Structure formats: C-alpha cells, structure tokens
C-alpha cells in the first residue's frame, strides 16, 4: 500500500542549515524506525508569507 507522510519545519533567519539538518534527521529516523524499504518520492515545498520564506514542508511517498 502506498502511503504519504509530511514533515514540517519553520525557518528562522540565519539558522536554515541547522533546521535542514534537523529535518533530514527526522525523515531518516522515520524511514529507519519504520523499516521503510521502498521510498517512491521525496519533495520539498517552501511556505511563504509576504514574499518571505517562513517554513518548509517535506513530503515522503513510500510503499510498505
């Protein structure tokens, strides 16, 4: 069965690198802990407000 999991992360100016590493760790932990064997797709979308990037949504599509 194909499933979708989303992960969100607010972005703070000058701390984006750390936030991206934390988001990567959360996604990798989910894949490892869930023993996901088949990742179909991973994509990122930026959320914005008044033209400024304020967050990131990562979508993981996988088959269990």
N, C-alpha and C. Protein backbone atom coordinates (compact mmCIF):
# COMPACT_ATOMS: atom_id res chain seq x y z
N UNK A 1 0.84 -1.17 0.00
CA UNK A 1 0.00 0.00 0.00
C UNK A 1 0.89 1.24 0.00
N UNK A 2 0.61 2.18 -0.87
CA UNK A 2 1.38 3.43 -0.93
C UNK A 2 0.86 4.38 0.14
N UNK A 3 1.80 5.01 0.86
CA UNK A 3 1.45 5.94 1.93
C UNK A 3 2.22 7.24 1.73
N UNK A 4 1.70 8.31 2.35
CA UNK A 4 2.33 9.62 2.29
C UNK A 4 2.51 10.14 3.70
N UNK A 5 3.68 10.69 4.00
CA UNK A 5 3.97 11.28 5.30
C UNK A 5 4.55 12.66 5.06
N UNK A 6 4.06 13.66 5.78
CA UNK A 6 4.59 15.02 5.63
C UNK A 6 5.32 15.42 6.92
N UNK A 7 6.35 16.22 6.74
CA UNK A 7 7.14 16.75 7.84
C UNK A 7 7.23 18.26 7.63
N UNK A 8 7.01 19.05 8.65
CA UNK A 8 7.10 20.50 8.54
C UNK A 8 8.20 21.05 9.41
N UNK A 9 8.76 22.17 9.00
CA UNK A 9 9.84 22.80 9.74
C UNK A 9 9.75 24.31 9.54
N UNK A 10 9.59 25.08 10.63
CA UNK A 10 9.64 26.54 10.49
C UNK A 10 11.08 26.97 10.22
N UNK A 11 11.24 28.04 9.47
CA UNK A 11 12.57 28.54 9.15
C UNK A 11 12.83 29.84 9.90
N UNK A 12 13.98 29.92 10.54
CA UNK A 12 14.40 31.12 11.26
C UNK A 12 15.60 31.70 10.52
N UNK A 13 15.61 32.99 10.25
CA UNK A 13 16.75 33.57 9.53
C UNK A 13 18.08 33.19 10.17
N UNK A 14 19.05 32.89 9.35
CA UNK A 14 20.42 32.57 9.74
C UNK A 14 20.57 31.22 10.43
N UNK A 15 19.52 30.43 10.49
CA UNK A 15 19.61 29.12 11.12
C UNK A 15 19.11 28.02 10.18
N UNK A 16 18.99 28.32 8.91
CA UNK A 16 18.38 27.40 7.97
C UNK A 16 19.18 26.11 7.83
N UNK A 17 20.51 26.20 7.81
CA UNK A 17 21.33 24.99 7.66
C UNK A 17 21.06 23.99 8.79
N UNK A 18 20.98 24.48 10.01
CA UNK A 18 20.70 23.61 11.16
C UNK A 18 19.30 23.02 11.05
N UNK A 19 18.34 23.83 10.65
CA UNK A 19 16.96 23.37 10.52
C UNK A 19 16.84 22.29 9.44
N UNK A 20 17.55 22.46 8.32
CA UNK A 20 17.53 21.45 7.27
C UNK A 20 18.16 20.15 7.74
N UNK A 21 19.22 20.24 8.52
CA UNK A 21 19.84 19.02 9.07
C UNK A 21 18.89 18.32 10.03
N UNK A 22 18.17 19.09 10.84
CA UNK A 22 17.19 18.50 11.76
C UNK A 22 16.05 17.83 10.99
N UNK A 23 15.59 18.47 9.92
CA UNK A 23 14.53 17.89 9.10
C UNK A 23 15.01 16.61 8.44
N UNK A 24 16.23 16.62 7.89
CA UNK A 24 16.81 15.41 7.30
C UNK A 24 16.85 14.28 8.32
N UNK A 25 17.26 14.60 9.55
CA UNK A 25 17.35 13.58 10.60
C UNK A 25 15.97 13.01 10.93
N UNK A 26 14.95 13.88 11.03
CA UNK A 26 13.60 13.39 11.33
C UNK A 26 13.09 12.44 10.25
N UNK A 27 13.34 12.80 8.98
CA UNK A 27 12.89 11.95 7.88
C UNK A 27 13.67 10.64 7.87
N UNK A 28 14.98 10.71 8.02
CA UNK A 28 15.79 9.49 8.04
C UNK A 28 15.44 8.59 9.21
N UNK A 29 15.18 9.17 10.37
CA UNK A 29 14.75 8.38 11.54
C UNK A 29 13.43 7.68 11.26
N UNK A 30 12.49 8.40 10.62
CA UNK A 30 11.19 7.81 10.29
C UNK A 30 11.37 6.62 9.34
N UNK A 31 12.22 6.79 8.34
CA UNK A 31 12.47 5.70 7.38
C UNK A 31 13.12 4.50 8.09
N UNK A 32 14.12 4.78 8.91
CA UNK A 32 14.81 3.70 9.62
C UNK A 32 13.89 3.01 10.64
N UNK A 33 13.25 3.80 11.50
CA UNK A 33 12.41 3.22 12.56
C UNK A 33 11.20 2.50 11.99
N UNK A 34 10.68 2.99 10.87
CA UNK A 34 9.52 2.36 10.24
C UNK A 34 9.90 1.23 9.31
N UNK A 35 11.21 0.97 9.21
CA UNK A 35 11.75 -0.08 8.34
C UNK A 35 11.17 0.04 6.92
N UNK A 36 11.16 1.28 6.43
CA UNK A 36 10.67 1.56 5.07
C UNK A 36 11.70 1.03 4.08
N UNK A 37 11.27 0.18 3.18
CA UNK A 37 12.18 -0.43 2.21
C UNK A 37 12.10 0.23 0.83
N UNK A 38 10.98 0.88 0.52
CA UNK A 38 10.79 1.41 -0.82
C UNK A 38 10.28 2.85 -0.75
N UNK A 39 11.20 3.81 -0.93
CA UNK A 39 10.83 5.22 -1.00
C UNK A 39 10.55 5.55 -2.46
N UNK A 40 9.36 6.06 -2.72
CA UNK A 40 8.96 6.38 -4.09
C UNK A 40 9.36 7.81 -4.44
N UNK A 41 9.16 8.73 -3.52
CA UNK A 41 9.43 10.13 -3.81
C UNK A 41 9.66 10.92 -2.53
N UNK A 42 10.53 11.91 -2.62
CA UNK A 42 10.73 12.89 -1.55
C UNK A 42 10.74 14.26 -2.22
N UNK A 43 9.91 15.17 -1.74
CA UNK A 43 9.90 16.50 -2.33
C UNK A 43 9.74 17.56 -1.25
N UNK A 44 10.26 18.74 -1.54
CA UNK A 44 10.18 19.86 -0.61
C UNK A 44 9.38 21.00 -1.23
N UNK A 45 8.64 21.71 -0.39
CA UNK A 45 7.93 22.91 -0.81
C UNK A 45 8.12 23.96 0.27
N UNK A 46 8.39 25.17 -0.16
CA UNK A 46 8.60 26.28 0.77
C UNK A 46 7.27 26.97 1.03
N UNK A 47 7.01 27.28 2.30
CA UNK A 47 5.84 28.09 2.64
C UNK A 47 6.32 29.53 2.79
N UNK A 48 5.47 30.46 2.41
CA UNK A 48 5.90 31.86 2.47
C UNK A 48 4.76 32.75 2.96
N UNK A 49 5.18 33.92 3.42
CA UNK A 49 4.24 34.93 3.87
C UNK A 49 4.82 36.29 3.48
N UNK A 50 4.08 37.06 2.75
CA UNK A 50 4.52 38.39 2.30
C UNK A 50 5.85 38.32 1.55
N UNK A 51 6.05 37.26 0.79
CA UNK A 51 7.26 37.13 -0.01
C UNK A 51 8.46 36.55 0.71
N UNK A 52 8.35 36.28 2.01
CA UNK A 52 9.45 35.73 2.79
C UNK A 52 9.21 34.25 3.04
N UNK A 53 10.26 33.45 2.91
CA UNK A 53 10.16 32.02 3.23
C UNK A 53 10.08 31.86 4.73
N UNK A 54 9.04 31.16 5.18
CA UNK A 54 8.85 31.01 6.63
C UNK A 54 8.83 29.55 7.07
N UNK A 55 8.82 28.63 6.12
CA UNK A 55 8.77 27.22 6.51
C UNK A 55 9.04 26.31 5.34
N UNK A 56 9.18 25.05 5.65
CA UNK A 56 9.45 24.04 4.64
C UNK A 56 8.60 22.82 4.94
N UNK A 57 7.98 22.27 3.91
CA UNK A 57 7.21 21.04 4.04
C UNK A 57 7.90 20.00 3.17
N UNK A 58 8.25 18.87 3.77
CA UNK A 58 8.85 17.76 3.04
C UNK A 58 7.83 16.64 2.98
N UNK A 59 7.58 16.13 1.78
CA UNK A 59 6.61 15.06 1.57
C UNK A 59 7.36 13.80 1.18
N UNK A 60 7.09 12.72 1.89
CA UNK A 60 7.70 11.43 1.64
C UNK A 60 6.61 10.47 1.18
N UNK A 61 6.78 9.90 0.00
CA UNK A 61 5.85 8.90 -0.52
C UNK A 61 6.59 7.58 -0.50
N UNK A 62 5.98 6.57 0.14
CA UNK A 62 6.65 5.30 0.29
C UNK A 62 5.66 4.15 0.20
N UNK A 63 6.20 2.98 -0.01
CA UNK A 63 5.40 1.77 -0.11
C UNK A 63 5.83 0.84 1.02
N UNK A 64 4.88 0.40 1.80
CA UNK A 64 5.24 -0.54 2.86
C UNK A 64 4.86 -1.92 2.47
